[in-house]
Structures are given as C-alpha cells and as structure tokens.
Amino acid sequence: MGRVSGAGDPDAPALPPFTLVTGNPDKRLEAERILGRAVDCAAVDLPEPQSLDFLEVVRAKGAEALQRLGHPVVVEEAGLELAALNGFPGPLVKWMLEAVGAEGIARTALALGEPRATARCFLLWTDGAREVIGEGATTGTLVTPRGSGGFGWDPAFLPDGEERTYGELPGADKDRLSHRGRAWRDLLAKLGSSSQA
C-alpha cells in the first residue's frame, strides 16, 4: 500500500493508502480506470445494515472493514432510487436485483408510470482516526435492458442526456457519467485537500 496519486494525474496530491473492500471485479476495474492505477483490494464479506440511509450503511461497513483489515480502507454503498417508489429501494437494491433482475426493476417503474430514477454511490475512506466520504449521483430513466456491458442494473439505466444505457457505454464514458465515477472523483478531491491540510 504505497502512496497514490489521484485520478491518474501525476501532479495530483498524494493520497493516503487504502485497500478497496470489494469482491466485485467490475467495481475494482472501474476504480482502477478512474484512479489510473492498480488498486489493492480485499474481498471481505461485510454485513449490510438493512437501512434506507446510505450513510448509516457505508459507515457501518467502513467500521467493520477497518476492524477486520487493521489498515485504511475504502468501502462503497451504491443504490438506485426509483421515483415511482419514493426513493425505494435505494441501498437495498441488491436484494431487489437478486429477486427480479434489472428487467424486473425497470418493469416495476414502467408499470407504475414513473421511470425516473437516481443512481447514488457513497465511498468512505477511513483510517480509524478520521473518515472522508465521497458522494456521486446520476439521474436518469429506467428502460428495458439494453447492452451487455457493466453489471447489476446497468443495462436498464439510461443516464439523462444519453442515448445509451450504462450497459451500452464503453467503460471510460460510463465512468465520466456514472454515480460511482462521480463518487470516486469527489472522494479523491476531498482526500487530496485533506492531505494538504
């Protein structure tokens, strides 16, 4: 775990070291594209509090990951807020996805007559003494799944201003628009400014 520069920019301030806690190879790949470097990862099965509060969930995951690994970590909590369901399932989307798939999520919104949705991602870096949270959100519309790229509900999410779903976008284009890409850039900016303080 050496020092890391931000977003592939050699002139960016050095960032504190961390291990990204995920067993999802797609999340690792996205992080590496955004950071412009290899990322140290650990696949740790973390308990996920059943809460609609993203911050509560990401903080609980961060505390558990730090306790288990014993060094600075980054954990993620991402979700999909359906306008038709007043923001549900939010961080509980994993279970809706497992139950009905991306097409079922889109069909639910379409059947209720309101396909608008917001994709959210929170990334938390902690070393035990402090925590820094990056947040990203992308608004869009749920559609019948298209494309084979991405993962999870990506093929059913059409970002505002785009003609392609997350599942149809090349990786770099998705990173530029996505909730996760925005969260990483926000976290990098906050970590960079706090490391200079």
N, C-alpha and C. Protein backbone atom coordinates (compact mmCIF):
# COMPACT_ATOMS: atom_id res chain seq x y z
N MET A 1 0.83 -1.19 0.00
CA MET A 1 0.00 0.00 0.00
C MET A 1 0.87 1.25 0.00
N GLY A 2 1.33 1.67 -1.14
CA GLY A 2 2.11 2.90 -1.24
C GLY A 2 1.22 4.10 -1.39
N ARG A 3 1.85 5.26 -1.52
CA ARG A 3 1.10 6.50 -1.74
C ARG A 3 0.52 6.47 -3.14
N VAL A 4 -0.64 7.08 -3.28
CA VAL A 4 -1.35 7.05 -4.54
C VAL A 4 -1.60 8.46 -5.03
N SER A 5 -1.38 8.70 -6.31
CA SER A 5 -1.78 10.00 -6.84
C SER A 5 -3.20 9.87 -7.36
N GLY A 6 -3.90 10.98 -7.44
CA GLY A 6 -5.32 10.94 -7.76
C GLY A 6 -5.62 10.93 -9.24
N ALA A 7 -6.63 10.16 -9.61
CA ALA A 7 -7.24 10.13 -10.93
C ALA A 7 -6.26 10.07 -12.08
N GLY A 8 -5.15 9.38 -11.89
CA GLY A 8 -4.20 9.22 -12.97
C GLY A 8 -3.39 10.47 -13.28
N ASP A 9 -3.50 11.51 -12.48
CA ASP A 9 -2.81 12.77 -12.70
C ASP A 9 -1.53 12.78 -11.88
N PRO A 10 -0.35 12.77 -12.54
CA PRO A 10 0.90 12.72 -11.78
C PRO A 10 1.13 13.97 -10.95
N ASP A 11 0.45 15.08 -11.26
CA ASP A 11 0.61 16.31 -10.49
C ASP A 11 -0.39 16.42 -9.34
N ALA A 12 -1.32 15.46 -9.25
CA ALA A 12 -2.30 15.49 -8.17
C ALA A 12 -1.60 15.21 -6.85
N PRO A 13 -2.14 15.76 -5.75
CA PRO A 13 -1.52 15.50 -4.45
C PRO A 13 -1.56 14.02 -4.11
N ALA A 14 -0.56 13.57 -3.36
CA ALA A 14 -0.52 12.17 -2.92
C ALA A 14 -1.70 11.90 -2.01
N LEU A 15 -2.28 10.74 -2.16
CA LEU A 15 -3.42 10.35 -1.35
C LEU A 15 -3.00 9.32 -0.32
N PRO A 16 -3.72 9.26 0.77
CA PRO A 16 -3.40 8.23 1.77
C PRO A 16 -3.61 6.84 1.17
N PRO A 17 -2.86 5.86 1.64
CA PRO A 17 -3.04 4.49 1.13
C PRO A 17 -4.38 3.92 1.60
N PHE A 18 -4.85 2.92 0.88
CA PHE A 18 -6.08 2.25 1.27
C PHE A 18 -6.20 0.91 0.55
N THR A 19 -7.06 0.07 1.08
CA THR A 19 -7.48 -1.15 0.42
C THR A 19 -8.95 -0.98 0.10
N LEU A 20 -9.32 -1.19 -1.16
CA LEU A 20 -10.72 -1.17 -1.56
C LEU A 20 -11.34 -2.50 -1.15
N VAL A 21 -12.37 -2.44 -0.36
CA VAL A 21 -13.01 -3.65 0.12
C VAL A 21 -14.17 -4.00 -0.81
N THR A 22 -13.93 -4.94 -1.70
CA THR A 22 -14.95 -5.42 -2.61
C THR A 22 -14.53 -6.77 -3.17
N GLY A 23 -15.50 -7.61 -3.38
CA GLY A 23 -15.25 -8.86 -4.07
C GLY A 23 -15.75 -8.79 -5.50
N ASN A 24 -16.22 -7.61 -5.90
CA ASN A 24 -16.79 -7.43 -7.23
C ASN A 24 -15.70 -6.98 -8.20
N PRO A 25 -15.30 -7.83 -9.13
CA PRO A 25 -14.22 -7.45 -10.05
C PRO A 25 -14.58 -6.26 -10.94
N ASP A 26 -15.87 -6.06 -11.21
CA ASP A 26 -16.28 -4.90 -12.02
C ASP A 26 -16.08 -3.59 -11.27
N LYS A 27 -16.34 -3.60 -9.97
CA LYS A 27 -16.10 -2.38 -9.16
C LYS A 27 -14.61 -2.10 -9.08
N ARG A 28 -13.81 -3.15 -8.97
CA ARG A 28 -12.36 -2.96 -8.95
C ARG A 28 -11.88 -2.37 -10.27
N LEU A 29 -12.36 -2.91 -11.37
CA LEU A 29 -11.98 -2.41 -12.69
C LEU A 29 -12.36 -0.94 -12.86
N GLU A 30 -13.56 -0.57 -12.44
CA GLU A 30 -13.97 0.83 -12.54
C GLU A 30 -13.06 1.72 -11.69
N ALA A 31 -12.75 1.28 -10.48
CA ALA A 31 -11.86 2.07 -9.61
C ALA A 31 -10.50 2.25 -10.26
N GLU A 32 -9.98 1.18 -10.85
CA GLU A 32 -8.66 1.27 -11.48
C GLU A 32 -8.67 2.19 -12.70
N ARG A 33 -9.75 2.16 -13.47
CA ARG A 33 -9.84 3.08 -14.61
C ARG A 33 -9.87 4.52 -14.12
N ILE A 34 -10.66 4.78 -13.10
CA ILE A 34 -10.82 6.15 -12.60
C ILE A 34 -9.54 6.65 -11.95
N LEU A 35 -8.88 5.79 -11.16
CA LEU A 35 -7.66 6.18 -10.47
C LEU A 35 -6.44 6.16 -11.38
N GLY A 36 -6.53 5.42 -12.47
CA GLY A 36 -5.41 5.32 -13.39
C GLY A 36 -4.26 4.49 -12.85
N ARG A 37 -4.57 3.52 -12.01
CA ARG A 37 -3.55 2.67 -11.41
C ARG A 37 -4.20 1.42 -10.84
N ALA A 38 -3.35 0.44 -10.51
CA ALA A 38 -3.84 -0.76 -9.84
C ALA A 38 -4.33 -0.41 -8.45
N VAL A 39 -5.33 -1.12 -7.99
CA VAL A 39 -5.91 -0.86 -6.68
C VAL A 39 -5.80 -2.12 -5.84
N ASP A 40 -5.29 -1.97 -4.62
CA ASP A 40 -5.23 -3.05 -3.65
C ASP A 40 -6.66 -3.35 -3.21
N CYS A 41 -7.10 -4.59 -3.36
CA CYS A 41 -8.47 -4.97 -3.00
C CYS A 41 -8.47 -6.13 -2.03
N ALA A 42 -9.53 -6.19 -1.24
CA ALA A 42 -9.76 -7.32 -0.35
C ALA A 42 -11.23 -7.69 -0.44
N ALA A 43 -11.49 -8.96 -0.70
CA ALA A 43 -12.86 -9.45 -0.75
C ALA A 43 -13.26 -9.88 0.66
N VAL A 44 -13.90 -8.98 1.37
CA VAL A 44 -14.34 -9.25 2.73
C VAL A 44 -15.86 -9.18 2.72
N ASP A 45 -16.51 -10.23 3.19
CA ASP A 45 -17.97 -10.25 3.23
C ASP A 45 -18.43 -9.43 4.44
N LEU A 46 -18.88 -8.22 4.17
CA LEU A 46 -19.29 -7.32 5.24
C LEU A 46 -20.79 -7.39 5.47
N PRO A 47 -21.22 -7.33 6.73
CA PRO A 47 -22.67 -7.26 6.99
C PRO A 47 -23.21 -5.94 6.44
N GLU A 48 -24.42 -5.98 5.90
CA GLU A 48 -25.03 -4.77 5.37
C GLU A 48 -26.27 -4.45 6.18
N PRO A 49 -26.23 -3.38 6.96
CA PRO A 49 -27.42 -2.99 7.72
C PRO A 49 -28.61 -2.79 6.79
N GLN A 50 -29.77 -3.25 7.20
CA GLN A 50 -30.98 -3.09 6.39
C GLN A 50 -31.55 -1.70 6.69
N SER A 51 -31.04 -0.72 5.98
CA SER A 51 -31.42 0.67 6.20
C SER A 51 -31.55 1.37 4.87
N LEU A 52 -32.42 2.36 4.81
CA LEU A 52 -32.54 3.20 3.62
C LEU A 52 -31.59 4.39 3.68
N ASP A 53 -30.82 4.49 4.74
CA ASP A 53 -29.87 5.59 4.94
C ASP A 53 -28.49 5.14 4.43
N PHE A 54 -28.10 5.67 3.27
CA PHE A 54 -26.82 5.31 2.67
C PHE A 54 -25.66 5.54 3.63
N LEU A 55 -25.66 6.68 4.33
CA LEU A 55 -24.54 7.00 5.23
C LEU A 55 -24.45 6.02 6.39
N GLU A 56 -25.58 5.62 6.94
CA GLU A 56 -25.57 4.63 8.02
C GLU A 56 -24.94 3.32 7.53
N VAL A 57 -25.31 2.91 6.33
CA VAL A 57 -24.81 1.65 5.79
C VAL A 57 -23.31 1.74 5.50
N VAL A 58 -22.88 2.80 4.82
CA VAL A 58 -21.46 2.90 4.46
C VAL A 58 -20.57 3.07 5.69
N ARG A 59 -21.06 3.77 6.70
CA ARG A 59 -20.26 3.92 7.93
C ARG A 59 -20.13 2.59 8.67
N ALA A 60 -21.21 1.83 8.74
CA ALA A 60 -21.14 0.51 9.39
C ALA A 60 -20.18 -0.40 8.64
N LYS A 61 -20.24 -0.39 7.32
CA LYS A 61 -19.33 -1.21 6.52
C LYS A 61 -17.88 -0.76 6.71
N GLY A 62 -17.66 0.55 6.76
CA GLY A 62 -16.30 1.06 6.95
C GLY A 62 -15.71 0.65 8.29
N ALA A 63 -16.50 0.75 9.34
CA ALA A 63 -16.03 0.37 10.68
C ALA A 63 -15.68 -1.12 10.74
N GLU A 64 -16.53 -1.94 10.14
CA GLU A 64 -16.29 -3.39 10.14
C GLU A 64 -15.07 -3.75 9.31
N ALA A 65 -14.94 -3.13 8.13
CA ALA A 65 -13.79 -3.42 7.27
C ALA A 65 -12.49 -2.99 7.93
N LEU A 66 -12.48 -1.84 8.57
CA LEU A 66 -11.29 -1.37 9.26
C LEU A 66 -10.91 -2.31 10.40
N GLN A 67 -11.91 -2.76 11.15
CA GLN A 67 -11.64 -3.69 12.25
C GLN A 67 -11.04 -5.01 11.73
N ARG A 68 -11.57 -5.50 10.64
CA ARG A 68 -11.09 -6.78 10.11
C ARG A 68 -9.72 -6.68 9.46
N LEU A 69 -9.45 -5.58 8.73
CA LEU A 69 -8.19 -5.47 7.99
C LEU A 69 -7.09 -4.78 8.78
N GLY A 70 -7.46 -3.88 9.67
CA GLY A 70 -6.47 -3.23 10.52
C GLY A 70 -5.64 -2.14 9.84
N HIS A 71 -6.08 -1.67 8.66
CA HIS A 71 -5.40 -0.57 7.99
C HIS A 71 -6.43 0.21 7.16
N PRO A 72 -6.06 1.37 6.63
CA PRO A 72 -7.05 2.21 5.93
C PRO A 72 -7.77 1.47 4.81
N VAL A 73 -9.07 1.75 4.73
CA VAL A 73 -9.92 1.08 3.75
C VAL A 73 -10.80 2.10 3.02
N VAL A 74 -11.29 1.68 1.87
CA VAL A 74 -12.39 2.36 1.19
C VAL A 74 -13.49 1.32 1.02
N VAL A 75 -14.70 1.69 1.44
CA VAL A 75 -15.88 0.85 1.23
C VAL A 75 -16.90 1.64 0.43
N GLU A 76 -17.79 0.92 -0.20
CA GLU A 76 -18.80 1.56 -1.04
C GLU A 76 -20.20 1.14 -0.64
N GLU A 77 -21.13 2.05 -0.81
CA GLU A 77 -22.55 1.70 -0.77
C GLU A 77 -23.19 2.42 -1.95
N ALA A 78 -23.78 1.66 -2.84
CA ALA A 78 -24.45 2.22 -4.00
C ALA A 78 -25.89 1.74 -4.03
N GLY A 79 -26.73 2.50 -4.70
CA GLY A 79 -28.12 2.11 -4.79
C GLY A 79 -28.84 2.84 -5.90
N LEU A 80 -30.08 2.47 -6.06
CA LEU A 80 -30.92 3.02 -7.11
C LEU A 80 -32.24 3.46 -6.48
N GLU A 81 -32.53 4.74 -6.62
CA GLU A 81 -33.75 5.32 -6.05
C GLU A 81 -34.79 5.49 -7.16
N LEU A 82 -35.86 4.75 -7.07
CA LEU A 82 -36.93 4.84 -8.06
C LEU A 82 -37.90 5.94 -7.66
N ALA A 83 -38.14 6.88 -8.56
CA ALA A 83 -39.09 7.96 -8.27
C ALA A 83 -40.48 7.38 -8.02
N ALA A 84 -40.84 6.33 -8.75
CA ALA A 84 -42.17 5.71 -8.60
C ALA A 84 -42.38 5.13 -7.21
N LEU A 85 -41.30 4.83 -6.52
CA LEU A 85 -41.39 4.23 -5.18
C LEU A 85 -40.84 5.17 -4.12
N ASN A 86 -40.85 6.47 -4.40
CA ASN A 86 -40.41 7.48 -3.44
C ASN A 86 -38.99 7.22 -2.94
N GLY A 87 -38.11 6.78 -3.85
CA GLY A 87 -36.70 6.57 -3.50
C GLY A 87 -36.34 5.14 -3.15
N PHE A 88 -37.31 4.28 -2.97
CA PHE A 88 -37.04 2.87 -2.69
C PHE A 88 -36.61 2.20 -3.99
N PRO A 89 -35.74 1.25 -4.04
CA PRO A 89 -35.12 0.54 -2.92
C PRO A 89 -33.85 1.20 -2.37
N GLY A 90 -33.31 2.23 -3.04
CA GLY A 90 -32.11 2.89 -2.53
C GLY A 90 -30.99 1.90 -2.29
N PRO A 91 -30.41 1.90 -1.08
CA PRO A 91 -29.30 0.98 -0.80
C PRO A 91 -29.72 -0.49 -0.69
N LEU A 92 -31.01 -0.76 -0.75
CA LEU A 92 -31.50 -2.14 -0.69
C LEU A 92 -31.66 -2.75 -2.08
N VAL A 93 -31.20 -2.05 -3.11
CA VAL A 93 -31.39 -2.50 -4.49
C VAL A 93 -30.78 -3.88 -4.74
N LYS A 94 -29.75 -4.23 -4.02
CA LYS A 94 -29.11 -5.53 -4.21
C LYS A 94 -30.13 -6.66 -4.11
N TRP A 95 -31.02 -6.57 -3.12
CA TRP A 95 -31.99 -7.63 -2.90
C TRP A 95 -33.11 -7.58 -3.94
N MET A 96 -33.48 -6.40 -4.38
CA MET A 96 -34.49 -6.30 -5.45
C MET A 96 -33.91 -6.87 -6.75
N LEU A 97 -32.63 -6.56 -6.99
CA LEU A 97 -31.96 -7.07 -8.19
C LEU A 97 -31.89 -8.60 -8.15
N GLU A 98 -31.55 -9.16 -6.98
CA GLU A 98 -31.50 -10.61 -6.85
C GLU A 98 -32.87 -11.25 -7.07
N ALA A 99 -33.92 -10.55 -6.63
CA ALA A 99 -35.27 -11.11 -6.72
C ALA A 99 -35.87 -11.02 -8.12
N VAL A 100 -35.69 -9.87 -8.79
CA VAL A 100 -36.39 -9.67 -10.07
C VAL A 100 -35.48 -9.29 -11.23
N GLY A 101 -34.21 -9.04 -10.97
CA GLY A 101 -33.27 -8.68 -12.03
C GLY A 101 -33.46 -7.25 -12.52
N ALA A 102 -32.57 -6.84 -13.40
CA ALA A 102 -32.61 -5.47 -13.94
C ALA A 102 -33.91 -5.23 -14.69
N GLU A 103 -34.35 -6.22 -15.45
CA GLU A 103 -35.60 -6.05 -16.20
C GLU A 103 -36.79 -5.89 -15.26
N GLY A 104 -36.81 -6.63 -14.17
CA GLY A 104 -37.91 -6.52 -13.20
C GLY A 104 -37.93 -5.16 -12.53
N ILE A 105 -36.76 -4.61 -12.24
CA ILE A 105 -36.71 -3.27 -11.65
C ILE A 105 -37.27 -2.25 -12.64
N ALA A 106 -36.84 -2.35 -13.89
CA ALA A 106 -37.34 -1.42 -14.92
C ALA A 106 -38.84 -1.60 -15.11
N ARG A 107 -39.31 -2.84 -15.19
CA ARG A 107 -40.74 -3.10 -15.39
C ARG A 107 -41.58 -2.52 -14.24
N THR A 108 -41.05 -2.60 -13.02
CA THR A 108 -41.77 -2.04 -11.87
C THR A 108 -41.98 -0.54 -12.06
N ALA A 109 -40.91 0.16 -12.39
CA ALA A 109 -41.02 1.61 -12.58
C ALA A 109 -41.95 1.94 -13.75
N LEU A 110 -41.78 1.22 -14.85
CA LEU A 110 -42.60 1.49 -16.03
C LEU A 110 -44.08 1.19 -15.75
N ALA A 111 -44.37 0.11 -15.03
CA ALA A 111 -45.75 -0.25 -14.71
C ALA A 111 -46.41 0.79 -13.81
N LEU A 112 -45.60 1.43 -12.98
CA LEU A 112 -46.13 2.47 -12.09
C LEU A 112 -46.22 3.82 -12.78
N GLY A 113 -45.77 3.89 -14.03
CA GLY A 113 -45.91 5.11 -14.81
C GLY A 113 -44.89 6.19 -14.53
N GLU A 114 -43.82 5.84 -13.83
CA GLU A 114 -42.78 6.83 -13.50
C GLU A 114 -41.42 6.16 -13.60
N PRO A 115 -40.77 6.25 -14.77
CA PRO A 115 -39.49 5.57 -14.96
C PRO A 115 -38.26 6.32 -14.46
N ARG A 116 -38.42 7.51 -13.89
CA ARG A 116 -37.28 8.29 -13.42
C ARG A 116 -36.61 7.59 -12.24
N ALA A 117 -35.28 7.70 -12.20
CA ALA A 117 -34.52 7.08 -11.10
C ALA A 117 -33.23 7.87 -10.88
N THR A 118 -32.70 7.74 -9.69
CA THR A 118 -31.40 8.33 -9.35
C THR A 118 -30.47 7.23 -8.86
N ALA A 119 -29.32 7.13 -9.52
CA ALA A 119 -28.29 6.20 -9.08
C ALA A 119 -27.38 6.93 -8.11
N ARG A 120 -27.11 6.37 -6.95
CA ARG A 120 -26.25 7.00 -5.94
C ARG A 120 -25.12 6.08 -5.52
N CYS A 121 -23.99 6.70 -5.19
CA CYS A 121 -22.85 5.96 -4.67
C CYS A 121 -22.18 6.77 -3.58
N PHE A 122 -21.87 6.12 -2.49
CA PHE A 122 -21.10 6.71 -1.41
C PHE A 122 -19.84 5.86 -1.22
N LEU A 123 -18.70 6.52 -1.18
CA LEU A 123 -17.42 5.86 -0.90
C LEU A 123 -16.88 6.45 0.40
N LEU A 124 -16.46 5.59 1.30
CA LEU A 124 -15.91 6.04 2.58
C LEU A 124 -14.49 5.54 2.72
N TRP A 125 -13.56 6.48 2.94
CA TRP A 125 -12.17 6.15 3.28
C TRP A 125 -12.04 6.39 4.77
N THR A 126 -11.44 5.44 5.48
CA THR A 126 -11.19 5.65 6.91
C THR A 126 -9.89 4.97 7.32
N ASP A 127 -9.21 5.62 8.27
CA ASP A 127 -8.03 5.02 8.88
C ASP A 127 -8.26 4.81 10.37
N GLY A 128 -9.49 5.01 10.82
CA GLY A 128 -9.84 4.85 12.23
C GLY A 128 -9.84 6.17 12.98
N ALA A 129 -8.94 7.08 12.60
CA ALA A 129 -8.88 8.38 13.25
C ALA A 129 -9.82 9.38 12.57
N ARG A 130 -10.00 9.20 11.28
CA ARG A 130 -10.90 10.09 10.54
C ARG A 130 -11.54 9.32 9.40
N GLU A 131 -12.59 9.92 8.86
CA GLU A 131 -13.25 9.35 7.70
C GLU A 131 -13.52 10.46 6.70
N VAL A 132 -13.45 10.08 5.42
CA VAL A 132 -13.74 11.01 4.33
C VAL A 132 -14.73 10.30 3.42
N ILE A 133 -15.81 11.01 3.08
CA ILE A 133 -16.86 10.40 2.27
C ILE A 133 -16.99 11.15 0.94
N GLY A 134 -16.98 10.38 -0.13
CA GLY A 134 -17.26 10.91 -1.46
C GLY A 134 -18.63 10.47 -1.89
N GLU A 135 -19.35 11.36 -2.56
CA GLU A 135 -20.70 11.04 -2.98
C GLU A 135 -20.87 11.37 -4.45
N GLY A 136 -21.62 10.53 -5.15
CA GLY A 136 -21.94 10.78 -6.55
C GLY A 136 -23.36 10.37 -6.84
N ALA A 137 -24.02 11.12 -7.71
CA ALA A 137 -25.38 10.79 -8.11
C ALA A 137 -25.55 11.08 -9.59
N THR A 138 -26.33 10.26 -10.25
CA THR A 138 -26.67 10.44 -11.65
C THR A 138 -28.16 10.19 -11.81
N THR A 139 -28.85 11.14 -12.42
CA THR A 139 -30.27 10.95 -12.67
C THR A 139 -30.46 10.35 -14.05
N GLY A 140 -31.56 9.65 -14.20
CA GLY A 140 -31.84 9.02 -15.47
C GLY A 140 -33.21 8.38 -15.50
N THR A 141 -33.37 7.47 -16.44
CA THR A 141 -34.65 6.80 -16.68
C THR A 141 -34.39 5.30 -16.75
N LEU A 142 -35.32 4.53 -16.22
CA LEU A 142 -35.24 3.08 -16.34
C LEU A 142 -35.91 2.66 -17.64
N VAL A 143 -35.23 1.78 -18.37
CA VAL A 143 -35.70 1.31 -19.67
C VAL A 143 -35.56 -0.21 -19.72
N THR A 144 -36.20 -0.81 -20.72
CA THR A 144 -35.98 -2.23 -20.95
C THR A 144 -34.48 -2.44 -21.16
N PRO A 145 -33.87 -3.39 -20.47
CA PRO A 145 -32.41 -3.54 -20.51
C PRO A 145 -31.86 -3.62 -21.94
N ARG A 146 -30.73 -2.89 -22.11
CA ARG A 146 -30.01 -2.87 -23.39
C ARG A 146 -28.52 -2.88 -23.09
N GLY A 147 -27.80 -3.65 -23.87
CA GLY A 147 -26.35 -3.68 -23.74
C GLY A 147 -25.89 -4.80 -22.83
N SER A 148 -24.64 -5.20 -23.05
CA SER A 148 -24.08 -6.31 -22.27
C SER A 148 -22.94 -5.86 -21.38
N GLY A 149 -22.65 -4.57 -21.36
CA GLY A 149 -21.56 -4.07 -20.52
C GLY A 149 -22.04 -3.79 -19.11
N GLY A 150 -21.10 -3.40 -18.27
CA GLY A 150 -21.44 -3.06 -16.90
C GLY A 150 -21.86 -4.28 -16.10
N PHE A 151 -22.65 -4.04 -15.07
CA PHE A 151 -23.09 -5.12 -14.19
C PHE A 151 -24.33 -4.67 -13.44
N GLY A 152 -24.95 -5.60 -12.74
CA GLY A 152 -26.14 -5.26 -11.96
C GLY A 152 -27.25 -4.71 -12.84
N TRP A 153 -27.76 -3.56 -12.48
CA TRP A 153 -28.86 -2.94 -13.21
C TRP A 153 -28.38 -1.98 -14.31
N ASP A 154 -27.09 -1.98 -14.62
CA ASP A 154 -26.54 -1.07 -15.64
C ASP A 154 -27.31 -1.10 -16.97
N PRO A 155 -27.68 -2.27 -17.50
CA PRO A 155 -28.36 -2.27 -18.80
C PRO A 155 -29.75 -1.61 -18.79
N ALA A 156 -30.33 -1.39 -17.61
CA ALA A 156 -31.67 -0.80 -17.51
C ALA A 156 -31.63 0.69 -17.15
N PHE A 157 -30.44 1.26 -16.96
CA PHE A 157 -30.35 2.66 -16.52
C PHE A 157 -29.83 3.53 -17.66
N LEU A 158 -30.66 4.48 -18.09
CA LEU A 158 -30.32 5.41 -19.15
C LEU A 158 -30.06 6.78 -18.52
N PRO A 159 -28.79 7.21 -18.43
CA PRO A 159 -28.50 8.50 -17.80
C PRO A 159 -29.11 9.65 -18.59
N ASP A 160 -29.53 10.69 -17.89
CA ASP A 160 -30.05 11.89 -18.55
C ASP A 160 -29.04 12.40 -19.57
N GLY A 161 -29.55 12.79 -20.75
CA GLY A 161 -28.70 13.35 -21.78
C GLY A 161 -27.98 12.33 -22.63
N GLU A 162 -28.19 11.04 -22.35
CA GLU A 162 -27.52 9.96 -23.08
C GLU A 162 -28.53 9.17 -23.89
N GLU A 163 -28.07 8.57 -24.95
CA GLU A 163 -28.90 7.68 -25.74
C GLU A 163 -28.57 6.22 -25.46
N ARG A 164 -27.50 6.01 -24.68
CA ARG A 164 -27.05 4.66 -24.34
C ARG A 164 -27.19 4.42 -22.85
N THR A 165 -27.58 3.19 -22.50
CA THR A 165 -27.65 2.81 -21.10
C THR A 165 -26.23 2.62 -20.56
N TYR A 166 -26.10 2.54 -19.25
CA TYR A 166 -24.80 2.19 -18.66
C TYR A 166 -24.26 0.92 -19.31
N GLY A 167 -25.14 -0.03 -19.60
CA GLY A 167 -24.74 -1.31 -20.19
C GLY A 167 -24.25 -1.20 -21.62
N GLU A 168 -24.57 -0.10 -22.30
CA GLU A 168 -24.13 0.11 -23.67
C GLU A 168 -22.91 1.01 -23.77
N LEU A 169 -22.59 1.72 -22.69
CA LEU A 169 -21.48 2.69 -22.72
C LEU A 169 -20.13 2.01 -22.57
N PRO A 170 -19.13 2.44 -23.32
CA PRO A 170 -17.76 1.99 -23.05
C PRO A 170 -17.36 2.43 -21.64
N GLY A 171 -16.43 1.70 -21.05
CA GLY A 171 -16.05 1.96 -19.65
C GLY A 171 -15.73 3.41 -19.33
N ALA A 172 -14.88 4.04 -20.13
CA ALA A 172 -14.47 5.42 -19.83
C ALA A 172 -15.65 6.38 -19.91
N ASP A 173 -16.57 6.15 -20.84
CA ASP A 173 -17.76 7.01 -20.95
C ASP A 173 -18.67 6.81 -19.74
N LYS A 174 -18.83 5.55 -19.33
CA LYS A 174 -19.65 5.29 -18.14
C LYS A 174 -19.02 5.95 -16.92
N ASP A 175 -17.70 5.84 -16.77
CA ASP A 175 -17.02 6.43 -15.61
C ASP A 175 -17.24 7.94 -15.54
N ARG A 176 -17.27 8.60 -16.69
CA ARG A 176 -17.45 10.05 -16.74
C ARG A 176 -18.84 10.45 -16.24
N LEU A 177 -19.85 9.63 -16.54
CA LEU A 177 -21.25 9.96 -16.23
C LEU A 177 -21.77 9.33 -14.95
N SER A 178 -21.17 8.26 -14.53
CA SER A 178 -21.80 7.42 -13.51
C SER A 178 -21.70 7.96 -12.09
N HIS A 179 -22.62 7.50 -11.29
CA HIS A 179 -22.66 7.79 -9.87
C HIS A 179 -21.36 7.35 -9.20
N ARG A 180 -20.84 6.19 -9.60
CA ARG A 180 -19.60 5.68 -8.99
C ARG A 180 -18.40 6.53 -9.41
N GLY A 181 -18.33 6.89 -10.70
CA GLY A 181 -17.25 7.75 -11.16
C GLY A 181 -17.26 9.08 -10.44
N ARG A 182 -18.44 9.65 -10.26
CA ARG A 182 -18.57 10.94 -9.56
C ARG A 182 -18.18 10.80 -8.09
N ALA A 183 -18.55 9.68 -7.48
CA ALA A 183 -18.19 9.47 -6.07
C ALA A 183 -16.68 9.34 -5.91
N TRP A 184 -16.02 8.60 -6.83
CA TRP A 184 -14.56 8.47 -6.76
C TRP A 184 -13.89 9.84 -6.93
N ARG A 185 -14.36 10.64 -7.89
CA ARG A 185 -13.74 11.95 -8.10
C ARG A 185 -13.96 12.85 -6.88
N ASP A 186 -15.13 12.77 -6.27
CA ASP A 186 -15.40 13.55 -5.07
C ASP A 186 -14.51 13.10 -3.91
N LEU A 187 -14.37 11.79 -3.74
CA LEU A 187 -13.51 11.26 -2.68
C LEU A 187 -12.06 11.67 -2.90
N LEU A 188 -11.59 11.55 -4.14
CA LEU A 188 -10.21 11.94 -4.45
C LEU A 188 -9.96 13.41 -4.14
N ALA A 189 -10.90 14.27 -4.52
CA ALA A 189 -10.74 15.70 -4.26
C ALA A 189 -10.70 15.97 -2.76
N LYS A 190 -11.57 15.32 -2.01
CA LYS A 190 -11.61 15.54 -0.56
C LYS A 190 -10.37 14.97 0.12
N LEU A 191 -9.94 13.78 -0.29
CA LEU A 191 -8.71 13.21 0.29
C LEU A 191 -7.50 14.05 -0.06
N GLY A 192 -7.44 14.53 -1.29
CA GLY A 192 -6.31 15.37 -1.72
C GLY A 192 -6.25 16.67 -0.94
N SER A 193 -7.40 17.30 -0.70
CA SER A 193 -7.39 18.56 0.03
C SER A 193 -7.13 18.33 1.51
N SER A 194 -7.61 17.20 2.05
CA SER A 194 -7.37 16.97 3.48
C SER A 194 -5.94 16.53 3.75
N SER A 195 -5.28 15.92 2.74
CA SER A 195 -3.88 15.51 2.96
C SER A 195 -2.92 16.70 2.92
N GLN A 196 -3.41 17.83 2.36
CA GLN A 196 -2.58 19.03 2.31
C GLN A 196 -2.79 19.91 3.54
N ALA A 197 -3.83 19.59 4.31
CA ALA A 197 -4.17 20.44 5.47
C ALA A 197 -3.17 20.27 6.59
